[in-house]
Amino acid sequence: MAKYQVVFASSFEKEFSRLDNGVQKQILKWIGKHLVNVDFPTAPGKTLKGDLRDYVRFRVGDYRIISLVDENLFVITNIHVGHQRDSYK
């Protein structure tokens, strides 16, 4: 089975750079463990509903990563990262 590649959108990089260093390390460690070179990247996440049904939400402590998983190209594009209170606005 093919392994998925992780890509960071410019919006993700911009939001990520605003986070504290400790939070950045926590998120990168989580991504490395749960999304890099895995067979089923949606397993630790939850598919969003309605118009956002193509996106998957991953929970990392009080923070959320919103990603688009392309099962044809085996690519995970991380779109958004932020505190849970800001993630669904």
PDB file of N, CA and C in Angstrom:
ATOM      1  N   MET A   1       0.845  -1.184   0.000  1.00  0.00           N
ATOM      2  CA  MET A   1       0.000   0.000   0.000  1.00  0.00           C
ATOM      3  C   MET A   1       0.888   1.243   0.000  1.00  0.00           C
ATOM      4  N   ALA A   2       0.449   2.260  -0.720  1.00  0.00           N
ATOM      5  CA  ALA A   2       1.222   3.505  -0.830  1.00  0.00           C
ATOM      6  C   ALA A   2       1.156   4.305   0.465  1.00  0.00           C
ATOM      7  N   LYS A   3       2.213   5.016   0.722  1.00  0.00           N
ATOM      8  CA  LYS A   3       2.280   5.886   1.897  1.00  0.00           C
ATOM      9  C   LYS A   3       1.897   7.299   1.491  1.00  0.00           C
ATOM     10  N   TYR A   4       1.300   8.022   2.419  1.00  0.00           N
ATOM     11  CA  TYR A   4       0.859   9.389   2.147  1.00  0.00           C
ATOM     12  C   TYR A   4       1.990  10.383   2.366  1.00  0.00           C
ATOM     13  N   GLN A   5       1.973  11.439   1.563  1.00  0.00           N
ATOM     14  CA  GLN A   5       2.934  12.538   1.669  1.00  0.00           C
ATOM     15  C   GLN A   5       2.210  13.711   2.327  1.00  0.00           C
ATOM     16  N   VAL A   6       2.896  14.428   3.215  1.00  0.00           N
ATOM     17  CA  VAL A   6       2.309  15.572   3.909  1.00  0.00           C
ATOM     18  C   VAL A   6       2.797  16.864   3.263  1.00  0.00           C
ATOM     19  N   VAL A   7       1.855  17.754   2.933  1.00  0.00           N
ATOM     20  CA  VAL A   7       2.145  19.044   2.315  1.00  0.00           C
ATOM     21  C   VAL A   7       1.519  20.122   3.190  1.00  0.00           C
ATOM     22  N   PHE A   8       2.202  21.260   3.306  1.00  0.00           N
ATOM     23  CA  PHE A   8       1.688  22.368   4.108  1.00  0.00           C
ATOM     24  C   PHE A   8       1.297  23.519   3.192  1.00  0.00           C
ATOM     25  N   ALA A   9       0.029  23.913   3.247  1.00  0.00           N
ATOM     26  CA  ALA A   9      -0.442  25.067   2.478  1.00  0.00           C
ATOM     27  C   ALA A   9       0.134  26.336   3.089  1.00  0.00           C
ATOM     28  N   SER A  10       0.215  27.397   2.296  1.00  0.00           N
ATOM     29  CA  SER A  10       0.761  28.661   2.805  1.00  0.00           C
ATOM     30  C   SER A  10      -0.074  29.196   3.960  1.00  0.00           C
ATOM     31  N   SER A  11      -1.387  28.964   3.947  1.00  0.00           N
ATOM     32  CA  SER A  11      -2.241  29.405   5.055  1.00  0.00           C
ATOM     33  C   SER A  11      -1.862  28.688   6.347  1.00  0.00           C
ATOM     34  N   PHE A  12      -1.542  27.397   6.244  1.00  0.00           N
ATOM     35  CA  PHE A  12      -1.114  26.626   7.409  1.00  0.00           C
ATOM     36  C   PHE A  12       0.200  27.177   7.948  1.00  0.00           C
ATOM     37  N   GLU A  13       1.161  27.413   7.055  1.00  0.00           N
ATOM     38  CA  GLU A  13       2.470  27.911   7.477  1.00  0.00           C
ATOM     39  C   GLU A  13       2.357  29.261   8.169  1.00  0.00           C
ATOM     40  N   LYS A  14       1.491  30.131   7.665  1.00  0.00           N
ATOM     41  CA  LYS A  14       1.301  31.451   8.261  1.00  0.00           C
ATOM     42  C   LYS A  14       0.712  31.328   9.671  1.00  0.00           C
ATOM     43  N   GLU A  15      -0.328  30.518   9.825  1.00  0.00           N
ATOM     44  CA  GLU A  15      -0.950  30.321  11.134  1.00  0.00           C
ATOM     45  C   GLU A  15       0.000  29.607  12.088  1.00  0.00           C
ATOM     46  N   PHE A  16       0.744  28.634  11.570  1.00  0.00           N
ATOM     47  CA  PHE A  16       1.681  27.868  12.387  1.00  0.00           C
ATOM     48  C   PHE A  16       2.774  28.771  12.953  1.00  0.00           C
ATOM     49  N   SER A  17       3.247  29.718  12.157  1.00  0.00           N
ATOM     50  CA  SER A  17       4.329  30.605  12.602  1.00  0.00           C
ATOM     51  C   SER A  17       3.894  31.509  13.752  1.00  0.00           C
ATOM     52  N   ARG A  18       2.599  31.711  13.917  1.00  0.00           N
ATOM     53  CA  ARG A  18       2.081  32.559  14.995  1.00  0.00           C
ATOM     54  C   ARG A  18       1.958  31.828  16.333  1.00  0.00           C
ATOM     55  N   LEU A  19       2.075  30.513  16.312  1.00  0.00           N
ATOM     56  CA  LEU A  19       1.929  29.726  17.536  1.00  0.00           C
ATOM     57  C   LEU A  19       3.203  29.765  18.371  1.00  0.00           C
ATOM     58  N   ASP A  20       3.058  29.508  19.672  1.00  0.00           N
ATOM     59  CA  ASP A  20       4.213  29.428  20.569  1.00  0.00           C
ATOM     60  C   ASP A  20       5.121  28.278  20.137  1.00  0.00           C
ATOM     61  N   ASN A  21       6.411  28.401  20.453  1.00  0.00           N
ATOM     62  CA  ASN A  21       7.374  27.359  20.069  1.00  0.00           C
ATOM     63  C   ASN A  21       7.014  25.999  20.644  1.00  0.00           C
ATOM     64  N   GLY A  22       6.555  25.962  21.892  1.00  0.00           N
ATOM     65  CA  GLY A  22       6.176  24.692  22.517  1.00  0.00           C
ATOM     66  C   GLY A  22       5.025  24.023  21.789  1.00  0.00           C
ATOM     67  N   VAL A  23       4.051  24.811  21.391  1.00  0.00           N
ATOM     68  CA  VAL A  23       2.899  24.289  20.648  1.00  0.00           C
ATOM     69  C   VAL A  23       3.344  23.819  19.267  1.00  0.00           C
ATOM     70  N   GLN A  24       4.233  24.576  18.623  1.00  0.00           N
ATOM     71  CA  GLN A  24       4.746  24.173  17.313  1.00  0.00           C
ATOM     72  C   GLN A  24       5.428  22.809  17.398  1.00  0.00           C
ATOM     73  N   LYS A  25       6.252  22.611  18.414  1.00  0.00           N
ATOM     74  CA  LYS A  25       6.948  21.326  18.578  1.00  0.00           C
ATOM     75  C   LYS A  25       5.954  20.197  18.800  1.00  0.00           C
ATOM     76  N   GLN A  26       4.925  20.457  19.621  1.00  0.00           N
ATOM     77  CA  GLN A  26       3.903  19.451  19.901  1.00  0.00           C
ATOM     78  C   GLN A  26       3.176  19.052  18.616  1.00  0.00           C
ATOM     79  N   ILE A  27       2.823  20.026  17.805  1.00  0.00           N
ATOM     80  CA  ILE A  27       2.094  19.756  16.565  1.00  0.00           C
ATOM     81  C   ILE A  27       2.977  19.022  15.558  1.00  0.00           C
ATOM     82  N   LEU A  28       4.230  19.451  15.403  1.00  0.00           N
ATOM     83  CA  LEU A  28       5.137  18.766  14.470  1.00  0.00           C
ATOM     84  C   LEU A  28       5.393  17.322  14.892  1.00  0.00           C
ATOM     85  N   LYS A  29       5.524  17.104  16.186  1.00  0.00           N
ATOM     86  CA  LYS A  29       5.732  15.744  16.695  1.00  0.00           C
ATOM     87  C   LYS A  29       4.508  14.879  16.382  1.00  0.00           C
ATOM     88  N   TRP A  30       3.319  15.442  16.580  1.00  0.00           N
ATOM     89  CA  TRP A  30       2.085  14.709  16.305  1.00  0.00           C
ATOM     90  C   TRP A  30       1.966  14.390  14.815  1.00  0.00           C
ATOM     91  N   ILE A  31       2.245  15.374  13.969  1.00  0.00           N
ATOM     92  CA  ILE A  31       2.183  15.157  12.515  1.00  0.00           C
ATOM     93  C   ILE A  31       3.167  14.064  12.110  1.00  0.00           C
ATOM     94  N   GLY A  32       4.383  14.119  12.644  1.00  0.00           N
ATOM     95  CA  GLY A  32       5.388  13.111  12.328  1.00  0.00           C
ATOM     96  C   GLY A  32       4.961  11.710  12.723  1.00  0.00           C
ATOM     97  N   LYS A  33       4.257  11.602  13.834  1.00  0.00           N
ATOM     98  CA  LYS A  33       3.842  10.289  14.335  1.00  0.00           C
ATOM     99  C   LYS A  33       2.582   9.766  13.640  1.00  0.00           C
ATOM    100  N   HIS A  34       1.617  10.645  13.356  1.00  0.00           N
ATOM    101  CA  HIS A  34       0.307  10.196  12.895  1.00  0.00           C
ATOM    102  C   HIS A  34       0.006  10.419  11.411  1.00  0.00           C
ATOM    103  N   LEU A  35       0.763  11.288  10.736  1.00  0.00           N
ATOM    104  CA  LEU A  35       0.435  11.584   9.335  1.00  0.00           C
ATOM    105  C   LEU A  35       1.539  11.246   8.340  1.00  0.00           C
ATOM    106  N   VAL A  36       2.787  11.238   8.756  1.00  0.00           N
ATOM    107  CA  VAL A  36       3.898  10.989   7.836  1.00  0.00           C
ATOM    108  C   VAL A  36       4.067   9.486   7.623  1.00  0.00           C
ATOM    109  N   ASN A  37       4.070   9.079   6.353  1.00  0.00           N
ATOM    110  CA  ASN A  37       4.285   7.680   5.958  1.00  0.00           C
ATOM    111  C   ASN A  37       3.324   6.700   6.625  1.00  0.00           C
ATOM    112  N   VAL A  38       2.044   7.043   6.628  1.00  0.00           N
ATOM    113  CA  VAL A  38       1.038   6.143   7.188  1.00  0.00           C
ATOM    114  C   VAL A  38       0.152   5.597   6.067  1.00  0.00           C
ATOM    115  N   ASP A  39      -0.518   4.486   6.345  1.00  0.00           N
ATOM    116  CA  ASP A  39      -1.408   3.875   5.362  1.00  0.00           C
ATOM    117  C   ASP A  39      -2.814   4.468   5.392  1.00  0.00           C
ATOM    118  N   PHE A  40      -3.300   4.824   6.577  1.00  0.00           N
ATOM    119  CA  PHE A  40      -4.656   5.351   6.738  1.00  0.00           C
ATOM    120  C   PHE A  40      -4.620   6.640   7.547  1.00  0.00           C
ATOM    121  N   PRO A  41      -4.380   7.786   6.900  1.00  0.00           N
ATOM    122  CA  PRO A  41      -4.203   9.046   7.631  1.00  0.00           C
ATOM    123  C   PRO A  41      -5.468   9.576   8.282  1.00  0.00           C
ATOM    124  N   THR A  42      -6.628   9.142   7.837  1.00  0.00           N
ATOM    125  CA  THR A  42      -7.862   9.667   8.424  1.00  0.00           C
ATOM    126  C   THR A  42      -8.230   8.958   9.720  1.00  0.00           C
ATOM    127  N   ALA A  43      -7.563   7.862  10.045  1.00  0.00           N
ATOM    128  CA  ALA A  43      -7.901   7.095  11.243  1.00  0.00           C
ATOM    129  C   ALA A  43      -7.872   7.928  12.526  1.00  0.00           C
ATOM    130  N   PRO A  44      -6.843   8.754  12.779  1.00  0.00           N
ATOM    131  CA  PRO A  44      -6.861   9.534  14.024  1.00  0.00           C
ATOM    132  C   PRO A  44      -7.701  10.799  13.938  1.00  0.00           C
ATOM    133  N   GLY A  45      -8.347  11.032  12.801  1.00  0.00           N
ATOM    134  CA  GLY A  45      -9.104  12.269  12.606  1.00  0.00           C
ATOM    135  C   GLY A  45     -10.592  12.037  12.520  1.00  0.00           C
ATOM    136  N   LYS A  46     -11.292  13.115  12.219  1.00  0.00           N
ATOM    137  CA  LYS A  46     -12.742  13.064  12.081  1.00  0.00           C
ATOM    138  C   LYS A  46     -13.122  13.841  10.825  1.00  0.00           C
ATOM    139  N   THR A  47     -13.901  13.214   9.952  1.00  0.00           N
ATOM    140  CA  THR A  47     -14.346  13.879   8.733  1.00  0.00           C
ATOM    141  C   THR A  47     -15.374  14.940   9.090  1.00  0.00           C
ATOM    142  N   LEU A  48     -15.223  16.129   8.509  1.00  0.00           N
ATOM    143  CA  LEU A  48     -16.165  17.209   8.773  1.00  0.00           C
ATOM    144  C   LEU A  48     -17.464  16.965   8.004  1.00  0.00           C
ATOM    145  N   LYS A  49     -18.488  17.712   8.348  1.00  0.00           N
ATOM    146  CA  LYS A  49     -19.828  17.499   7.782  1.00  0.00           C
ATOM    147  C   LYS A  49     -20.211  18.617   6.811  1.00  0.00           C
ATOM    148  N   GLY A  50     -21.273  18.393   6.059  1.00  0.00           N
ATOM    149  CA  GLY A  50     -21.842  19.405   5.175  1.00  0.00           C
ATOM    150  C   GLY A  50     -20.923  19.784   4.030  1.00  0.00           C
ATOM    151  N   ASP A  51     -20.797  21.090   3.803  1.00  0.00           N
ATOM    152  CA  ASP A  51     -19.966  21.594   2.710  1.00  0.00           C
ATOM    153  C   ASP A  51     -18.489  21.281   2.908  1.00  0.00           C
ATOM    154  N   LEU A  52     -18.096  20.970   4.131  1.00  0.00           N
ATOM    155  CA  LEU A  52     -16.688  20.698   4.448  1.00  0.00           C
ATOM    156  C   LEU A  52     -16.392  19.201   4.513  1.00  0.00           C
ATOM    157  N   ARG A  53     -17.235  18.375   3.924  1.00  0.00           N
ATOM    158  CA  ARG A  53     -17.095  16.925   4.060  1.00  0.00           C
ATOM    159  C   ARG A  53     -15.821  16.359   3.432  1.00  0.00           C
ATOM    160  N   ASP A  54     -15.137  17.137   2.599  1.00  0.00           N
ATOM    161  CA  ASP A  54     -13.875  16.677   2.006  1.00  0.00           C
ATOM    162  C   ASP A  54     -12.697  16.866   2.954  1.00  0.00           C
ATOM    163  N   TYR A  55     -12.914  17.541   4.066  1.00  0.00           N
ATOM    164  CA  TYR A  55     -11.846  17.868   5.006  1.00  0.00           C
ATOM    165  C   TYR A  55     -11.878  16.953   6.225  1.00  0.00           C
ATOM    166  N   VAL A  56     -10.697  16.799   6.828  1.00  0.00           N
ATOM    167  CA  VAL A  56     -10.558  15.986   8.031  1.00  0.00           C
ATOM    168  C   VAL A  56      -9.981  16.858   9.133  1.00  0.00           C
ATOM    169  N   ARG A  57     -10.526  16.711  10.339  1.00  0.00           N
ATOM    170  CA  ARG A  57     -10.057  17.472  11.496  1.00  0.00           C
ATOM    171  C   ARG A  57      -9.240  16.542  12.390  1.00  0.00           C
ATOM    172  N   PHE A  58      -8.053  16.995  12.752  1.00  0.00           N
ATOM    173  CA  PHE A  58      -7.208  16.253  13.678  1.00  0.00           C
ATOM    174  C   PHE A  58      -7.071  17.059  14.959  1.00  0.00           C
ATOM    175  N   ARG A  59      -7.198  16.402  16.090  1.00  0.00           N
ATOM    176  CA  ARG A  59      -7.115  17.063  17.386  1.00  0.00           C
ATOM    177  C   ARG A  59      -5.733  16.829  17.986  1.00  0.00           C
ATOM    178  N   VAL A  60      -5.067  17.930  18.323  1.00  0.00           N
ATOM    179  CA  VAL A  60      -3.752  17.866  18.965  1.00  0.00           C
ATOM    180  C   VAL A  60      -3.848  18.730  20.217  1.00  0.00           C
ATOM    181  N   GLY A  61      -4.205  18.121  21.345  1.00  0.00           N
ATOM    182  CA  GLY A  61      -4.423  18.890  22.571  1.00  0.00           C
ATOM    183  C   GLY A  61      -5.576  19.855  22.370  1.00  0.00           C
ATOM    184  N   ASP A  62      -5.350  21.132  22.657  1.00  0.00           N
ATOM    185  CA  ASP A  62      -6.369  22.168  22.475  1.00  0.00           C
ATOM    186  C   ASP A  62      -6.345  22.755  21.069  1.00  0.00           C
ATOM    187  N   TYR A  63      -5.532  22.211  20.191  1.00  0.00           N
ATOM    188  CA  TYR A  63      -5.376  22.742  18.837  1.00  0.00           C
ATOM    189  C   TYR A  63      -5.984  21.792  17.821  1.00  0.00           C
ATOM    190  N   ARG A  64      -6.354  22.354  16.668  1.00  0.00           N
ATOM    191  CA  ARG A  64      -6.952  21.568  15.596  1.00  0.00           C
ATOM    192  C   ARG A  64      -6.182  21.796  14.302  1.00  0.00           C
ATOM    193  N   ILE A  65      -6.012  20.720  13.560  1.00  0.00           N
ATOM    194  CA  ILE A  65      -5.425  20.778  12.226  1.00  0.00           C
ATOM    195  C   ILE A  65      -6.537  20.378  11.258  1.00  0.00           C
ATOM    196  N   ILE A  66      -6.815  21.236  10.300  1.00  0.00           N
ATOM    197  CA  ILE A  66      -7.807  20.930   9.273  1.00  0.00           C
ATOM    198  C   ILE A  66      -7.033  20.584   8.002  1.00  0.00           C
ATOM    199  N   SER A  67      -7.307  19.400   7.449  1.00  0.00           N
ATOM    200  CA  SER A  67      -6.545  18.907   6.302  1.00  0.00           C
ATOM    201  C   SER A  67      -7.462  18.408   5.202  1.00  0.00           C
ATOM    202  N   LEU A  68      -6.917  18.407   4.004  1.00  0.00           N
ATOM    203  CA  LEU A  68      -7.582  17.825   2.847  1.00  0.00           C
ATOM    204  C   LEU A  68      -6.782  16.584   2.468  1.00  0.00           C
ATOM    205  N   VAL A  69      -7.423  15.418   2.492  1.00  0.00           N
ATOM    206  CA  VAL A  69      -6.744  14.161   2.194  1.00  0.00           C
ATOM    207  C   VAL A  69      -7.144  13.716   0.791  1.00  0.00           C
ATOM    208  N   ASP A  70      -6.163  13.663  -0.107  1.00  0.00           N
ATOM    209  CA  ASP A  70      -6.394  13.217  -1.481  1.00  0.00           C
ATOM    210  C   ASP A  70      -6.009  11.741  -1.570  1.00  0.00           C
ATOM    211  N   GLU A  71      -7.009  10.879  -1.615  1.00  0.00           N
ATOM    212  CA  GLU A  71      -6.758   9.439  -1.614  1.00  0.00           C
ATOM    213  C   GLU A  71      -6.276   8.920  -2.965  1.00  0.00           C
ATOM    214  N   ASN A  72      -6.432   9.713  -4.023  1.00  0.00           N
ATOM    215  CA  ASN A  72      -5.947   9.301  -5.343  1.00  0.00           C
ATOM    216  C   ASN A  72      -4.456   9.565  -5.499  1.00  0.00           C
ATOM    217  N   LEU A  73      -3.995  10.708  -4.994  1.00  0.00           N
ATOM    218  CA  LEU A  73      -2.583  11.081  -5.116  1.00  0.00           C
ATOM    219  C   LEU A  73      -1.779  10.757  -3.864  1.00  0.00           C
ATOM    220  N   PHE A  74      -2.444  10.267  -2.817  1.00  0.00           N
ATOM    221  CA  PHE A  74      -1.808   9.952  -1.539  1.00  0.00           C
ATOM    222  C   PHE A  74      -1.103  11.173  -0.951  1.00  0.00           C
ATOM    223  N   VAL A  75      -1.836  12.292  -0.898  1.00  0.00           N
ATOM    224  CA  VAL A  75      -1.296  13.550  -0.377  1.00  0.00           C
ATOM    225  C   VAL A  75      -2.230  14.079   0.706  1.00  0.00           C
ATOM    226  N   ILE A  76      -1.639  14.529   1.819  1.00  0.00           N
ATOM    227  CA  ILE A  76      -2.379  15.193   2.886  1.00  0.00           C
ATOM    228  C   ILE A  76      -1.953  16.648   2.863  1.00  0.00           C
ATOM    229  N   THR A  77      -2.878  17.551   2.557  1.00  0.00           N
ATOM    230  CA  THR A  77      -2.572  18.977   2.535  1.00  0.00           C
ATOM    231  C   THR A  77      -3.140  19.608   3.794  1.00  0.00           C
ATOM    232  N   ASN A  78      -2.258  20.074   4.659  1.00  0.00           N
ATOM    233  CA  ASN A  78      -2.690  20.734   5.888  1.00  0.00           C
ATOM    234  C   ASN A  78      -3.054  22.171   5.550  1.00  0.00           C
ATOM    235  N   ILE A  79      -4.310  22.541   5.798  1.00  0.00           N
ATOM    236  CA  ILE A  79      -4.859  23.826   5.400  1.00  0.00           C
ATOM    237  C   ILE A  79      -4.848  24.831   6.547  1.00  0.00           C
ATOM    238  N   HIS A  80      -5.230  24.384   7.739  1.00  0.00           N
ATOM    239  CA  HIS A  80      -5.435  25.301   8.867  1.00  0.00           C
ATOM    240  C   HIS A  80      -4.918  24.663  10.147  1.00  0.00           C
ATOM    241  N   VAL A  81      -4.362  25.502  11.021  1.00  0.00           N
ATOM    242  CA  VAL A  81      -4.007  25.071  12.369  1.00  0.00           C
ATOM    243  C   VAL A  81      -4.344  26.217  13.309  1.00  0.00           C
ATOM    244  N   GLY A  82      -4.913  25.888  14.444  1.00  0.00           N
ATOM    245  CA  GLY A  82      -5.252  26.927  15.404  1.00  0.00           C
ATOM    246  C   GLY A  82      -5.896  26.343  16.641  1.00  0.00           C
ATOM    247  N   HIS A  83      -6.099  27.197  17.634  1.00  0.00           N
ATOM    248  CA  HIS A  83      -6.753  26.789  18.867  1.00  0.00           C
ATOM    249  C   HIS A  83      -8.182  26.397  18.546  1.00  0.00           C
ATOM    250  N   GLN A  84      -8.717  25.451  19.294  1.00  0.00           N
ATOM    251  CA  GLN A  84     -10.064  24.951  19.001  1.00  0.00           C
ATOM    252  C   GLN A  84     -11.118  26.046  18.977  1.00  0.00           C
ATOM    253  N   ARG A  85     -10.962  27.073  19.797  1.00  0.00           N
ATOM    254  CA  ARG A  85     -11.982  28.132  19.845  1.00  0.00           C
ATOM    255  C   ARG A  85     -12.009  28.958  18.556  1.00  0.00           C
ATOM    256  N   ASP A  86     -10.918  28.921  17.780  1.00  0.00           N
ATOM    257  CA  ASP A  86     -10.832  29.697  16.544  1.00  0.00           C
ATOM    258  C   ASP A  86     -10.972  28.842  15.285  1.00  0.00           C
ATOM    259  N   SER A  87     -10.950  27.538  15.421  1.00  0.00           N
ATOM    260  CA  SER A  87     -10.844  26.651  14.260  1.00  0.00           C
ATOM    261  C   SER A  87     -12.104  26.523  13.430  1.00  0.00           C
ATOM    262  N   TYR A  88     -13.249  26.774  13.989  1.00  0.00           N
ATOM    263  CA  TYR A  88     -14.489  26.509  13.264  1.00  0.00           C
ATOM    264  C   TYR A  88     -15.226  27.777  12.867  1.00  0.00           C
ATOM    265  N   LYS A  89     -14.560  28.921  12.920  1.00  0.00           N
ATOM    266  CA  LYS A  89     -15.191  30.196  12.554  1.00  0.00           C
ATOM    267  C   LYS A  89     -15.123  30.419  11.063  1.00  0.00           C
TER     268      LYS A  89
END
